């Protein structure tokens, strides 16, 4: 499977194919289940894929994890701690062992958790064959350039190898010169390399408030990602 890559500055020439768009929307549905049920981990499926999703910040404890980092971190200290906590609490290794075609997905803090655990799963020779794809929505900056390049490279090259353009999707909403504000923070850390980022034009059913637009927070809501994809699929983007 191969998601189309959309750069904001370029006119979109083709739509996401029906199967690909369905998987994207299914990932959003699974993450949303986590928000609705206040569960760190949620599961779903789509066209033979098993989806494991991680919700974003929704508690004081999560917020403290968001703020627990330093510019010297290889990987954001709080995000790593959250990823490890969730992995152990929800027995994710055992869960994945029972599956075959796994898509790891997450939003915001959950996207950082998804990336860290994707790397851990892919570096485990018993789990690597089961992990097929990573889909992150509105992921914050998570680590050092060296760590991200080295660890993501190893995760992809572990047998069976994955192709970056097929397996990795770091999706960020943009509107004019602004992008999802969370994807720009914290300033001292970094996103994965630019050619791995998928920028999608923001579109929503209802206008955002002036405050949300000023702060850029309207570009971070999971509903904004859903509505932007649905708008894109109508061909009116």
Protein backbone atom coordinates (compact mmCIF):
# COMPACT_ATOMS: atom_id res chain seq x y z
CA UNK A 1 0.00 0.00 0.00
CA UNK A 2 1.23 3.48 -0.77
CA UNK A 3 -0.32 6.68 0.54
CA UNK A 4 -0.18 9.72 -1.71
CA UNK A 5 2.06 12.45 -0.32
CA UNK A 6 0.53 15.92 -0.32
CA UNK A 7 2.65 19.07 -0.13
CA UNK A 8 0.66 22.17 0.74
CA UNK A 9 2.37 24.26 -1.93
CA UNK A 10 1.43 21.90 -4.73
CA UNK A 11 -1.95 21.34 -6.37
CA UNK A 12 -3.26 17.90 -5.48
CA UNK A 13 -3.60 15.94 -8.71
CA UNK A 14 -5.10 12.71 -7.50
CA UNK A 15 -7.12 11.41 -4.58
CA UNK A 16 -6.20 8.76 -2.11
CA UNK A 17 -7.40 5.46 -3.45
CA UNK A 18 -10.48 4.02 -1.75
CA UNK A 19 -8.60 1.29 0.11
CA UNK A 20 -5.95 3.65 1.41
CA UNK A 21 -8.43 6.28 2.48
CA UNK A 22 -10.47 3.66 4.29
CA UNK A 23 -7.45 2.58 6.32
CA UNK A 24 -6.64 6.18 7.23
CA UNK A 25 -10.18 6.78 8.43
CA UNK A 26 -10.20 3.45 10.27
CA UNK A 27 -7.05 4.53 12.13
CA UNK A 28 -8.78 7.75 13.18
CA UNK A 29 -11.82 5.73 14.33
CA UNK A 30 -9.66 3.48 16.49
CA UNK A 31 -7.86 6.43 18.11
CA UNK A 32 -11.19 8.14 18.71
CA UNK A 33 -12.41 5.05 20.55
CA UNK A 34 -9.56 5.60 22.98
CA UNK A 35 -10.59 9.19 23.59
CA UNK A 36 -14.25 8.23 24.01
CA UNK A 37 -13.50 5.42 26.45
CA UNK A 38 -10.50 7.16 28.06
CA UNK A 39 -8.29 4.18 27.22
CA UNK A 40 -4.65 4.56 26.20
CA UNK A 41 -4.91 1.64 23.77
CA UNK A 42 -7.72 0.74 21.38
CA UNK A 43 -8.07 -1.89 18.69
CA UNK A 44 -9.83 -2.23 15.38
CA UNK A 45 -9.50 -3.80 11.97
CA UNK A 46 -9.80 -2.90 8.30
CA UNK A 47 -9.38 -5.03 5.18
CA UNK A 48 -7.17 -7.64 6.82
CA UNK A 49 -5.20 -5.16 8.93
CA UNK A 50 -5.22 -5.19 12.73
CA UNK A 51 -5.08 -1.62 14.02
CA UNK A 52 -3.64 -0.70 17.41
CA UNK A 53 -4.21 2.95 18.30
CA UNK A 54 -2.99 5.31 21.01
CA UNK A 55 -4.90 8.40 22.13
CA UNK A 56 -3.26 11.69 23.01
CA UNK A 57 -3.10 13.80 26.16
CA UNK A 58 -6.28 13.58 28.24
CA UNK A 59 -5.18 13.81 31.89
CA UNK A 60 -2.88 15.73 34.22
CA UNK A 61 -0.58 12.70 34.28
CA UNK A 62 -0.34 12.82 30.48
CA UNK A 63 0.37 16.55 30.58
CA UNK A 64 3.21 15.97 33.03
CA UNK A 65 4.64 13.43 30.58
CA UNK A 66 4.37 16.03 27.80
CA UNK A 67 6.45 18.47 29.85
CA UNK A 68 9.11 15.96 30.96
CA UNK A 69 11.94 16.46 28.46
CA UNK A 70 15.27 18.16 27.93
CA UNK A 71 17.08 19.30 24.80
CA UNK A 72 19.64 16.53 25.35
CA UNK A 73 17.04 13.75 25.09
CA UNK A 74 17.65 11.15 22.37
CA UNK A 75 13.91 10.52 22.65
CA UNK A 76 11.57 12.73 24.69
CA UNK A 77 11.80 11.38 28.28
CA UNK A 78 8.09 11.69 29.04
CA UNK A 79 6.96 10.16 25.75
CA UNK A 80 9.35 7.24 26.21
CA UNK A 81 8.06 6.67 29.75
CA UNK A 82 4.45 6.77 28.54
CA UNK A 83 5.20 4.36 25.70
CA UNK A 84 6.91 1.92 28.06
CA UNK A 85 4.12 2.20 30.61
CA UNK A 86 1.41 1.52 28.02
CA UNK A 87 3.35 -1.32 26.44
CA UNK A 88 3.73 -3.10 29.78
CA UNK A 89 0.30 -2.30 31.23
CA UNK A 90 -1.61 -3.42 28.14
CA UNK A 91 0.74 -6.34 27.42
CA UNK A 92 1.22 -5.19 23.85
CA UNK A 93 3.86 -7.78 23.00
CA UNK A 94 1.42 -10.57 23.83
CA UNK A 95 -1.34 -8.79 21.93
CA UNK A 96 0.76 -8.44 18.78
CA UNK A 97 1.94 -12.05 18.92
CA UNK A 98 -1.67 -13.08 18.23
CA UNK A 99 -1.96 -10.89 15.11
CA UNK A 100 -0.50 -10.91 11.60
CA UNK A 101 -0.80 -7.55 9.76
CA UNK A 102 -0.52 -4.81 12.35
CA UNK A 103 -0.88 -1.06 11.80
CA UNK A 104 0.32 1.09 14.70
CA UNK A 105 -1.35 4.50 14.90
CA UNK A 106 -1.73 7.44 17.27
CA UNK A 107 -2.60 11.10 17.66
CA UNK A 108 -0.56 13.79 19.46
CA UNK A 109 1.12 12.20 22.51
CA UNK A 110 -0.30 8.92 21.22
CA UNK A 111 1.56 9.41 17.94
CA UNK A 112 4.84 9.70 19.85
CA UNK A 113 3.91 6.56 21.80
CA UNK A 114 3.10 4.84 18.50
CA UNK A 115 6.46 5.77 16.96
CA UNK A 116 8.49 4.66 19.97
CA UNK A 117 6.68 1.34 20.26
CA UNK A 118 6.77 0.80 16.49
CA UNK A 119 10.56 0.99 16.72
CA UNK A 120 10.64 -1.41 19.69
CA UNK A 121 8.34 -3.91 17.99
CA UNK A 122 10.28 -3.82 14.73
CA UNK A 123 13.58 -4.39 16.56
CA UNK A 124 12.14 -7.53 18.16
CA UNK A 125 12.72 -10.40 15.70
CA UNK A 126 9.61 -12.22 16.95
CA UNK A 127 7.31 -9.24 16.43
CA UNK A 128 8.91 -7.53 13.42
CA UNK A 129 7.17 -9.69 10.77
CA UNK A 130 3.77 -8.73 12.17
CA UNK A 131 4.29 -4.93 12.07
CA UNK A 132 3.41 -3.52 8.65
CA UNK A 133 2.76 0.20 9.05
CA UNK A 134 2.91 3.29 11.26
CA UNK A 135 0.38 6.13 10.90
CA UNK A 136 0.87 9.20 13.11
CA UNK A 137 -1.46 12.21 13.25
CA UNK A 138 -0.23 15.51 14.68
CA UNK A 139 2.88 14.08 16.33
CA UNK A 140 4.99 16.51 18.40
CA UNK A 141 8.74 16.72 18.03
CA UNK A 142 10.14 13.66 19.72
CA UNK A 143 13.91 13.34 19.68
CA UNK A 144 17.36 13.99 18.28
CA UNK A 145 18.09 13.87 14.56
CA UNK A 146 20.65 11.09 15.08
CA UNK A 147 18.32 8.93 17.16
CA UNK A 148 15.42 9.26 14.73
CA UNK A 149 17.50 8.55 11.64
CA UNK A 150 19.34 5.62 13.23
CA UNK A 151 16.43 3.93 14.99
CA UNK A 152 13.88 4.43 12.22
CA UNK A 153 16.44 3.13 9.74
CA UNK A 154 17.02 0.01 11.85
CA UNK A 155 13.28 -0.50 12.32
CA UNK A 156 12.77 -0.45 8.57
CA UNK A 157 15.75 -2.67 7.75
CA UNK A 158 14.91 -5.42 10.24
CA UNK A 159 13.76 -8.52 8.38
CA UNK A 160 11.32 -8.53 6.72
CA UNK A 161 12.33 -5.09 5.47
CA UNK A 162 9.80 -2.29 5.09
CA UNK A 163 9.86 0.53 2.54
CA UNK A 164 9.62 3.95 4.18
CA UNK A 165 7.18 5.42 1.64
CA UNK A 166 4.78 2.51 2.22
CA UNK A 167 5.23 1.93 5.95
CA UNK A 168 5.72 5.34 7.56
CA UNK A 169 3.13 8.13 7.57
CA UNK A 170 3.63 11.20 9.73
CA UNK A 171 0.56 13.24 8.82
CA UNK A 172 0.40 16.95 9.64
CA UNK A 173 -2.36 19.45 8.83
CA UNK A 174 -1.40 22.80 7.30
CA UNK A 175 -3.35 25.96 6.59
CA UNK A 176 -1.54 28.72 4.74
CA UNK A 177 1.82 29.23 6.44
CA UNK A 178 0.65 27.53 9.66
CA UNK A 179 0.76 23.87 10.59
CA UNK A 180 -0.58 21.83 13.48
CA UNK A 181 1.02 23.70 16.37
CA UNK A 182 1.76 20.54 18.36
CA UNK A 183 3.92 19.24 15.50
CA UNK A 184 6.24 22.24 16.01
CA UNK A 185 6.87 21.59 19.72
CA UNK A 186 9.02 21.27 21.75
CA UNK A 187 11.50 23.55 19.98
CA UNK A 188 14.59 21.73 21.24
CA UNK A 189 13.64 18.37 19.70
CA UNK A 190 12.98 17.19 16.14
CA UNK A 191 10.51 15.49 13.83
CA UNK A 192 11.59 12.63 11.55
CA UNK A 193 13.28 13.78 8.33
CA UNK A 194 11.18 16.03 6.12
CA UNK A 195 10.69 13.56 3.28
CA UNK A 196 8.78 11.28 5.68
CA UNK A 197 6.22 13.97 6.58
CA UNK A 198 2.83 14.02 4.84
CA UNK A 199 1.31 17.52 4.79
CA UNK A 200 -2.45 17.67 4.19
CA UNK A 201 -4.49 20.82 3.62
CA UNK A 202 -6.83 21.67 6.49
CA UNK A 203 -10.56 21.72 5.88
CA UNK A 204 -13.40 21.68 8.42
CA UNK A 205 -17.17 21.62 8.42
CA UNK A 206 -17.40 24.56 10.86
CA UNK A 207 -15.12 27.63 11.00
CA UNK A 208 -12.64 27.59 13.86
CA UNK A 209 -12.83 30.27 16.53
CA UNK A 210 -10.55 33.28 16.26
CA UNK A 211 -8.66 32.16 19.37
CA UNK A 212 -8.10 28.65 17.99
CA UNK A 213 -6.92 30.08 14.68
CA UNK A 214 -4.55 32.48 16.42
CA UNK A 215 -3.04 29.69 18.52
CA UNK A 216 -3.16 27.13 15.70
CA UNK A 217 -4.91 24.60 17.93
CA UNK A 218 -7.74 24.06 15.41
CA UNK A 219 -5.23 22.19 13.25
CA UNK A 220 -4.53 19.66 15.97
CA UNK A 221 -7.94 18.20 16.75
CA UNK A 222 -8.49 14.62 15.63
CA UNK A 223 -11.82 15.72 14.14
CA UNK A 224 -9.93 18.20 11.98
CA UNK A 225 -7.83 15.37 10.56
CA UNK A 226 -10.96 13.35 9.80
CA UNK A 227 -12.82 16.25 8.17
CA UNK A 228 -9.78 17.26 6.13
CA UNK A 229 -9.42 13.74 4.73
CA UNK A 230 -13.12 13.48 4.01
CA UNK A 231 -13.02 16.85 2.22
CA UNK A 232 -9.98 15.73 0.27
CA UNK A 233 -11.78 12.60 -0.88
CA UNK A 234 -14.68 14.57 -2.31
CA UNK A 235 -12.35 16.12 -4.85
CA UNK A 236 -13.18 19.64 -3.72
CA UNK A 237 -9.84 20.35 -2.12
